């Protein structure tokens, strides 16, 4: 699997391209609302590069705990898909979803069916290489039409012929990406990765359905989809460059899920269809974290811990308890959401943030995959809330 080069700096705001409403996305260090960037070799996956930066050498593989490989943060596979979204909502009367597609049937065996325990940092998944391929294909289309440079504030009723052609072309590419992701839903042995694929598919398809009558609020769907897609991309990056393996044993295990696993559900539905009581507190959490880490996010991510100045080391020491407190709050809100999938995703975000804190004493740019995984999962939940507000 090929991955993008290491990031530049912790926190510059992404350009005004594919953002919700045409402006900068949630203040959390995250990506634009459109598709994401590309790996160093081969077609770039989903769209604009992560907001932490982009250029730099390809990171070497980590050879063991002592060697913290860099890994540019990339967004590797993912998000270009972000933009696609056809929502599959099962109708009990006809077995079809809102897009008129038949959901995964009872014969579609889930490799994750036996995964009913606590969510944890993932150190291996057989679907990562395929996800990179899917993302790269979609990205070649979105990049060719400069999708991330579009003005998301222009409704379909005011599009020029060229703008309409761009949306139609990207919608086709996104639909293909979502269709390809369907197979990965059944192949991953991890329940929470399955849920992320499902959310990518759902929000991607939901957005695609809005294209003929698109209004600016519909862009919330692409931002949520990009959160799921980029979350998967960075999670896979952390595996590829062995940041996940290095910190997984250092992070205390989470408690068992609050709800029985829904192994028999084969459909892809939106994470939220109504406003959830945790949405307000979640948005406040995002804003507070952004403010509390503002100075830290200006540090160049390519600088390893061994090369930090005394000021940079002090800043990283200060941000660690802030991150751990935010992880605890994310887990608490997830467990209070009443949604098994949202709970899993929130706890996964919390575990990866705890893993990132564990990496700080020996930090290299590969470890930024851990925090970027969290950033995008937080983004998925935050913009899923916005989509129903």
Protein backbone atom coordinates (compact mmCIF):
# COMPACT_ATOMS: atom_id res chain seq x y z
CA UNK A 1 0.00 0.00 0.00
CA UNK A 2 1.37 3.39 -0.91
CA UNK A 3 0.90 6.32 1.39
CA UNK A 4 1.41 10.06 1.16
CA UNK A 5 4.43 11.96 2.37
CA UNK A 6 4.65 13.36 5.88
CA UNK A 7 2.63 16.40 6.84
CA UNK A 8 3.84 19.91 7.16
CA UNK A 9 2.53 21.65 10.22
CA UNK A 10 0.02 20.81 12.88
CA UNK A 11 -2.90 22.92 12.11
CA UNK A 12 -2.92 25.33 9.28
CA UNK A 13 -6.47 25.76 8.04
CA UNK A 14 -7.21 24.03 4.75
CA UNK A 15 -7.87 26.18 1.71
CA UNK A 16 -11.39 27.38 0.95
CA UNK A 17 -12.22 24.66 -1.48
CA UNK A 18 -14.44 21.77 -0.56
CA UNK A 19 -15.43 23.10 2.83
CA UNK A 20 -18.89 23.18 4.18
CA UNK A 21 -20.48 26.40 3.11
CA UNK A 22 -17.35 27.32 1.21
CA UNK A 23 -15.52 28.33 4.37
CA UNK A 24 -13.06 26.61 6.61
CA UNK A 25 -14.23 23.41 8.26
CA UNK A 26 -14.62 22.76 11.94
CA UNK A 27 -11.77 24.32 13.85
CA UNK A 28 -10.36 20.93 14.76
CA UNK A 29 -7.20 20.17 12.81
CA UNK A 30 -8.91 18.47 9.98
CA UNK A 31 -9.38 18.32 6.30
CA UNK A 32 -11.53 20.18 3.91
CA UNK A 33 -14.98 18.89 3.23
CA UNK A 34 -14.13 17.42 -0.13
CA UNK A 35 -12.03 14.45 -1.12
CA UNK A 36 -8.56 13.84 0.18
CA UNK A 37 -5.00 13.70 -1.05
CA UNK A 38 -2.86 11.22 -2.71
CA UNK A 39 -0.14 8.81 -1.89
CA UNK A 40 3.34 9.52 -3.14
CA UNK A 41 3.13 6.83 -5.79
CA UNK A 42 0.16 6.23 -8.02
CA UNK A 43 -3.04 8.22 -8.34
CA UNK A 44 -3.85 10.40 -5.38
CA UNK A 45 -6.83 9.34 -3.33
CA UNK A 46 -9.52 11.64 -2.44
CA UNK A 47 -8.72 15.29 -2.91
CA UNK A 48 -7.05 18.11 -1.06
CA UNK A 49 -4.21 17.28 1.24
CA UNK A 50 -4.65 17.20 4.92
CA UNK A 51 -4.50 20.35 6.72
CA UNK A 52 -1.38 19.45 8.61
CA UNK A 53 0.74 19.89 5.57
CA UNK A 54 1.89 17.90 2.67
CA UNK A 55 5.36 17.76 1.37
CA UNK A 56 8.21 15.66 2.53
CA UNK A 57 10.02 12.39 1.94
CA UNK A 58 8.21 9.10 1.95
CA UNK A 59 8.41 7.68 5.47
CA UNK A 60 10.45 4.52 6.07
CA UNK A 61 8.89 1.52 7.72
CA UNK A 62 9.30 1.36 11.46
CA UNK A 63 11.57 -1.50 12.34
CA UNK A 64 10.50 -1.93 15.93
CA UNK A 65 9.40 -0.04 18.96
CA UNK A 66 12.53 2.04 19.03
CA UNK A 67 12.15 3.14 15.47
CA UNK A 68 9.20 5.47 15.07
CA UNK A 69 8.85 5.78 11.45
CA UNK A 70 7.60 8.88 10.02
CA UNK A 71 4.64 8.60 7.92
CA UNK A 72 3.37 11.58 6.68
CA UNK A 73 0.10 12.02 7.74
CA UNK A 74 -1.63 11.46 4.90
CA UNK A 75 -4.85 11.05 4.02
CA UNK A 76 -4.10 8.52 1.87
CA UNK A 77 -6.95 6.76 0.72
CA UNK A 78 -9.79 8.11 1.58
CA UNK A 79 -11.52 10.94 1.29
CA UNK A 80 -11.95 11.53 -2.13
CA UNK A 81 -14.79 9.39 -1.65
CA UNK A 82 -15.91 11.70 0.84
CA UNK A 83 -17.91 13.28 -1.52
CA UNK A 84 -20.00 10.57 -2.69
CA UNK A 85 -22.84 9.63 -0.80
CA UNK A 86 -25.88 7.64 -1.51
CA UNK A 87 -27.82 6.91 1.52
CA UNK A 88 -29.06 3.42 2.02
CA UNK A 89 -32.01 3.35 4.33
CA UNK A 90 -33.76 0.05 4.55
CA UNK A 91 -37.49 0.12 4.12
CA UNK A 92 -39.17 -2.73 5.95
CA UNK A 93 -41.95 -2.90 3.37
CA UNK A 94 -39.86 -3.47 0.26
CA UNK A 95 -36.30 -4.16 1.37
CA UNK A 96 -35.02 -1.17 -0.59
CA UNK A 97 -33.14 1.89 0.56
CA UNK A 98 -33.83 5.52 -0.30
CA UNK A 99 -31.57 5.21 -3.30
CA UNK A 100 -33.59 2.27 -4.57
CA UNK A 101 -30.70 -0.10 -3.96
CA UNK A 102 -31.04 -3.48 -2.33
CA UNK A 103 -29.16 -3.62 0.98
CA UNK A 104 -26.69 -6.38 1.73
CA UNK A 105 -28.75 -9.51 2.05
CA UNK A 106 -28.69 -12.25 4.67
CA UNK A 107 -26.30 -14.27 2.52
CA UNK A 108 -23.63 -11.57 2.81
CA UNK A 109 -21.46 -13.00 5.58
CA UNK A 110 -19.72 -10.48 7.79
CA UNK A 111 -16.13 -11.29 8.72
CA UNK A 112 -16.69 -8.99 11.71
CA UNK A 113 -19.66 -10.96 13.02
CA UNK A 114 -17.61 -12.36 15.88
CA UNK A 115 -16.17 -9.00 16.92
CA UNK A 116 -18.35 -8.10 19.90
CA UNK A 117 -15.75 -6.85 22.37
CA UNK A 118 -14.28 -3.45 23.25
CA UNK A 119 -13.04 -1.11 20.51
CA UNK A 120 -9.25 -0.78 20.41
CA UNK A 121 -6.37 0.49 18.27
CA UNK A 122 -6.21 -1.71 15.17
CA UNK A 123 -2.87 -3.17 14.17
CA UNK A 124 -3.86 -5.07 11.03
CA UNK A 125 -6.77 -5.15 8.58
CA UNK A 126 -6.96 -7.03 5.27
CA UNK A 127 -9.03 -4.32 3.55
CA UNK A 128 -6.51 -1.47 3.76
CA UNK A 129 -4.79 -2.15 0.43
CA UNK A 130 -8.12 -2.38 -1.37
CA UNK A 131 -9.29 0.86 0.24
CA UNK A 132 -6.17 2.60 -1.05
CA UNK A 133 -6.94 1.38 -4.56
CA UNK A 134 -10.55 2.54 -4.40
CA UNK A 135 -9.50 5.93 -3.10
CA UNK A 136 -6.85 6.36 -5.75
CA UNK A 137 -9.31 5.67 -8.54
CA UNK A 138 -11.81 8.18 -7.24
CA UNK A 139 -9.13 10.77 -6.61
CA UNK A 140 -7.96 10.68 -10.19
CA UNK A 141 -11.42 11.93 -11.18
CA UNK A 142 -11.86 14.53 -8.44
CA UNK A 143 -8.37 15.92 -9.02
CA UNK A 144 -8.90 16.16 -12.76
CA UNK A 145 -11.93 18.42 -12.31
CA UNK A 146 -10.42 20.42 -9.40
CA UNK A 147 -13.27 19.30 -7.17
CA UNK A 148 -11.77 20.68 -3.99
CA UNK A 149 -11.60 24.16 -5.55
CA UNK A 150 -15.33 24.36 -6.14
CA UNK A 151 -17.51 26.96 -4.44
CA UNK A 152 -19.85 24.88 -2.30
CA UNK A 153 -22.12 27.87 -1.65
CA UNK A 154 -23.52 27.83 -5.21
CA UNK A 155 -26.79 25.82 -5.45
CA UNK A 156 -27.61 23.59 -8.40
CA UNK A 157 -30.12 26.15 -9.65
CA UNK A 158 -27.24 28.57 -10.32
CA UNK A 159 -24.65 26.16 -11.77
CA UNK A 160 -23.10 26.78 -15.14
CA UNK A 161 -22.99 23.91 -17.63
CA UNK A 162 -19.36 23.25 -16.64
CA UNK A 163 -20.21 23.15 -12.93
CA UNK A 164 -23.08 20.75 -13.52
CA UNK A 165 -20.82 18.52 -15.59
CA UNK A 166 -18.24 18.54 -12.78
CA UNK A 167 -20.81 17.50 -10.16
CA UNK A 168 -22.22 14.79 -12.43
CA UNK A 169 -18.78 13.37 -13.18
CA UNK A 170 -17.75 13.32 -9.54
CA UNK A 171 -21.08 11.83 -8.49
CA UNK A 172 -20.47 8.96 -10.91
CA UNK A 173 -16.98 8.38 -9.50
CA UNK A 174 -18.30 8.56 -5.97
CA UNK A 175 -21.04 6.07 -6.67
CA UNK A 176 -18.45 3.66 -8.01
CA UNK A 177 -16.30 4.15 -4.92
CA UNK A 178 -19.24 3.52 -2.61
CA UNK A 179 -20.17 0.42 -4.59
CA UNK A 180 -16.62 -0.90 -4.30
CA UNK A 181 -16.59 -0.20 -0.57
CA UNK A 182 -19.62 -2.47 -0.19
CA UNK A 183 -17.40 -5.53 -0.54
CA UNK A 184 -15.05 -4.26 2.15
CA UNK A 185 -17.95 -4.06 4.61
CA UNK A 186 -18.16 -7.85 4.63
CA UNK A 187 -14.40 -8.51 4.49
CA UNK A 188 -13.04 -6.55 7.45
CA UNK A 189 -12.85 -8.57 10.65
CA UNK A 190 -13.26 -5.42 12.75
CA UNK A 191 -16.73 -4.22 13.72
CA UNK A 192 -15.74 -0.56 13.93
CA UNK A 193 -13.99 -0.57 10.54
CA UNK A 194 -17.13 -2.12 9.09
CA UNK A 195 -19.11 0.73 10.63
CA UNK A 196 -16.76 3.30 9.10
CA UNK A 197 -17.14 1.76 5.64
CA UNK A 198 -20.89 1.80 6.16
CA UNK A 199 -20.83 5.48 7.07
CA UNK A 200 -18.63 6.34 4.14
CA UNK A 201 -21.07 4.56 1.85
CA UNK A 202 -24.15 6.07 3.47
CA UNK A 203 -23.03 9.70 3.49
CA UNK A 204 -21.48 9.39 0.05
CA UNK A 205 -24.66 8.04 -1.46
CA UNK A 206 -26.78 10.54 0.41
CA UNK A 207 -24.78 13.35 -1.14
CA UNK A 208 -24.96 11.88 -4.63
CA UNK A 209 -28.74 11.84 -4.37
CA UNK A 210 -28.73 15.57 -3.62
CA UNK A 211 -26.70 16.54 -6.68
CA UNK A 212 -29.62 17.26 -9.06
CA UNK A 213 -31.11 19.74 -6.57
CA UNK A 214 -27.98 20.55 -4.54
CA UNK A 215 -28.09 23.35 -1.96
CA UNK A 216 -25.15 24.43 0.26
CA UNK A 217 -26.42 22.54 3.30
CA UNK A 218 -25.99 19.29 1.38
CA UNK A 219 -22.24 19.74 1.59
CA UNK A 220 -22.48 18.67 5.24
CA UNK A 221 -22.94 15.16 3.88
CA UNK A 222 -19.64 15.22 2.02
CA UNK A 223 -17.80 16.46 5.10
CA UNK A 224 -19.20 13.59 7.16
CA UNK A 225 -18.28 11.14 4.39
CA UNK A 226 -14.77 12.55 4.25
CA UNK A 227 -14.45 12.07 7.98
CA UNK A 228 -15.24 8.37 7.60
CA UNK A 229 -13.04 7.96 4.52
CA UNK A 230 -10.08 9.85 5.91
CA UNK A 231 -10.45 8.16 9.25
CA UNK A 232 -10.03 4.84 7.47
CA UNK A 233 -7.12 6.20 5.43
CA UNK A 234 -5.15 7.37 8.44
CA UNK A 235 -6.01 4.27 10.44
CA UNK A 236 -4.51 2.22 7.61
CA UNK A 237 -1.53 4.59 7.48
CA UNK A 238 -0.88 3.98 11.17
CA UNK A 239 -0.84 0.24 10.43
CA UNK A 240 1.37 0.58 7.36
CA UNK A 241 4.01 2.65 9.14
CA UNK A 242 3.66 0.66 12.38
CA UNK A 243 2.64 3.52 14.63
CA UNK A 244 -0.44 1.55 15.66
CA UNK A 245 1.56 -1.54 16.59
CA UNK A 246 3.98 0.52 18.66
CA UNK A 247 1.36 2.19 20.86
CA UNK A 248 -1.49 -0.35 21.00
CA UNK A 249 -0.01 -2.23 23.98
CA UNK A 250 0.51 1.08 25.83
CA UNK A 251 -3.13 2.20 25.72
CA UNK A 252 -5.45 0.82 28.44
CA UNK A 253 -8.31 -1.21 27.03
CA UNK A 254 -11.75 0.35 26.79
CA UNK A 255 -14.75 -1.11 28.59
CA UNK A 256 -17.19 -3.40 26.80
CA UNK A 257 -19.74 -1.80 24.44
CA UNK A 258 -22.85 -0.43 26.13
CA UNK A 259 -25.07 -2.11 23.55
CA UNK A 260 -25.33 -5.55 22.08
CA UNK A 261 -23.46 -5.80 18.78
CA UNK A 262 -25.75 -5.55 15.75
CA UNK A 263 -24.13 -8.32 13.77
CA UNK A 264 -27.31 -9.17 11.88
CA UNK A 265 -27.66 -5.74 10.30
CA UNK A 266 -26.46 -5.74 6.72
CA UNK A 267 -27.71 -2.33 5.60
CA UNK A 268 -25.89 0.96 5.35
CA UNK A 269 -27.75 3.76 7.11
CA UNK A 270 -26.71 7.25 8.14
CA UNK A 271 -25.01 7.56 11.51
CA UNK A 272 -27.64 10.11 12.58
CA UNK A 273 -31.09 10.65 11.11
CA UNK A 274 -32.28 12.93 13.92
CA UNK A 275 -30.50 15.36 16.20
CA UNK A 276 -28.81 13.53 19.07
CA UNK A 277 -28.48 15.00 22.59
CA UNK A 278 -24.70 14.65 22.41
CA UNK A 279 -24.40 16.87 19.32
CA UNK A 280 -24.26 20.16 21.23
CA UNK A 281 -21.65 18.95 23.73
CA UNK A 282 -19.68 17.30 20.91
CA UNK A 283 -19.49 20.56 18.98
CA UNK A 284 -18.38 22.35 22.14
CA UNK A 285 -15.72 19.70 22.68
CA UNK A 286 -14.40 20.26 19.15
CA UNK A 287 -14.27 24.03 19.61
CA UNK A 288 -12.58 23.83 23.01
CA UNK A 289 -9.95 21.38 21.80
CA UNK A 290 -9.19 23.58 18.83
CA UNK A 291 -8.72 26.60 21.06
CA UNK A 292 -6.69 24.75 23.68
CA UNK A 293 -4.32 23.31 21.07
CA UNK A 294 -4.02 26.33 18.81
CA UNK A 295 -0.34 27.02 19.54
CA UNK A 296 0.62 23.35 19.51
CA UNK A 297 -0.94 22.86 16.07
CA UNK A 298 1.58 25.30 14.61
CA UNK A 299 4.46 22.92 15.29
CA UNK A 300 5.85 21.31 12.15
CA UNK A 301 4.75 17.69 12.21
CA UNK A 302 7.88 16.60 10.40
CA UNK A 303 10.03 17.43 13.41
CA UNK A 304 10.74 14.36 15.52
CA UNK A 305 10.76 14.52 19.31
CA UNK A 306 14.52 14.13 19.26
CA UNK A 307 14.78 17.43 17.37
CA UNK A 308 12.24 19.52 19.26
CA UNK A 309 13.41 22.78 20.73
CA UNK A 310 12.91 23.19 24.48
CA UNK A 311 9.85 25.32 23.69
CA UNK A 312 8.38 22.68 21.38
CA UNK A 313 8.98 19.93 23.93
CA UNK A 314 7.29 22.02 26.62
CA UNK A 315 4.33 22.59 24.31
CA UNK A 316 3.97 18.87 23.66
CA UNK A 317 4.22 18.14 27.37
CA UNK A 318 1.43 20.66 27.98
CA UNK A 319 -0.86 19.33 25.26
CA UNK A 320 -0.76 15.71 26.48
CA UNK A 321 -3.18 16.17 29.42
CA UNK A 322 -5.45 18.28 27.21
CA UNK A 323 -5.63 15.43 24.71
CA UNK A 324 -6.26 12.81 27.36
CA UNK A 325 -9.08 14.89 28.85
CA UNK A 326 -10.68 15.29 25.42
CA UNK A 327 -10.38 11.52 24.84
CA UNK A 328 -12.21 10.83 28.10
CA UNK A 329 -14.97 13.27 27.13
CA UNK A 330 -15.33 11.74 23.66
CA UNK A 331 -15.74 8.30 25.15
CA UNK A 332 -18.27 9.57 27.70
CA UNK A 333 -20.38 11.27 25.04
CA UNK A 334 -20.21 8.25 22.77
CA UNK A 335 -21.53 6.01 25.51
CA UNK A 336 -24.36 8.48 26.19
CA UNK A 337 -25.41 8.75 22.54
CA UNK A 338 -27.78 5.78 22.49
CA UNK A 339 -26.23 4.72 19.16
CA UNK A 340 -24.03 1.60 19.05
CA UNK A 341 -22.19 2.76 15.91
CA UNK A 342 -21.63 6.30 17.19
CA UNK A 343 -20.38 4.87 20.50
CA UNK A 344 -17.88 2.62 18.70
CA UNK A 345 -16.59 5.46 16.53
CA UNK A 346 -16.28 7.87 19.45
CA UNK A 347 -14.36 5.32 21.52
CA UNK A 348 -12.10 4.52 18.57
CA UNK A 349 -11.33 8.24 18.26
CA UNK A 350 -10.56 8.37 21.99
CA UNK A 351 -8.25 5.35 21.84
CA UNK A 352 -6.26 6.74 18.91
CA UNK A 353 -5.84 10.07 20.69
CA UNK A 354 -4.58 8.22 23.77
CA UNK A 355 -2.23 6.30 21.48
CA UNK A 356 -0.93 9.54 20.02
CA UNK A 357 -0.18 10.86 23.51
CA UNK A 358 1.71 7.63 24.23
CA UNK A 359 3.83 8.26 21.11
CA UNK A 360 4.93 11.77 22.10
CA UNK A 361 8.13 10.88 24.00
CA UNK A 362 9.53 9.26 20.85
CA UNK A 363 7.38 11.06 18.27
CA UNK A 364 8.13 10.95 14.55
CA UNK A 365 5.89 12.08 11.72
CA UNK A 366 4.52 8.56 11.23
CA UNK A 367 2.76 8.98 14.55
CA UNK A 368 0.66 11.80 13.19
CA UNK A 369 -1.46 9.11 11.53
CA UNK A 370 -2.79 8.36 15.02
CA UNK A 371 -4.00 11.88 15.77
CA UNK A 372 -5.31 12.33 12.23
CA UNK A 373 -7.39 9.21 12.63
CA UNK A 374 -8.97 10.84 15.67
CA UNK A 375 -9.37 14.18 13.89
CA UNK A 376 -11.38 12.62 11.10
CA UNK A 377 -13.54 10.43 13.31
CA UNK A 378 -14.39 13.49 15.36
CA UNK A 379 -15.19 15.27 12.16
CA UNK A 380 -17.51 12.47 11.02
CA UNK A 381 -19.58 12.75 14.19
CA UNK A 382 -19.57 16.55 14.23
CA UNK A 383 -20.76 16.90 10.64
CA UNK A 384 -23.24 14.06 10.95
CA UNK A 385 -24.74 16.22 13.69
CA UNK A 386 -24.71 19.28 11.42
CA UNK A 387 -26.42 17.32 8.66
CA UNK A 388 -29.46 16.74 10.88
CA UNK A 389 -29.49 20.07 12.71
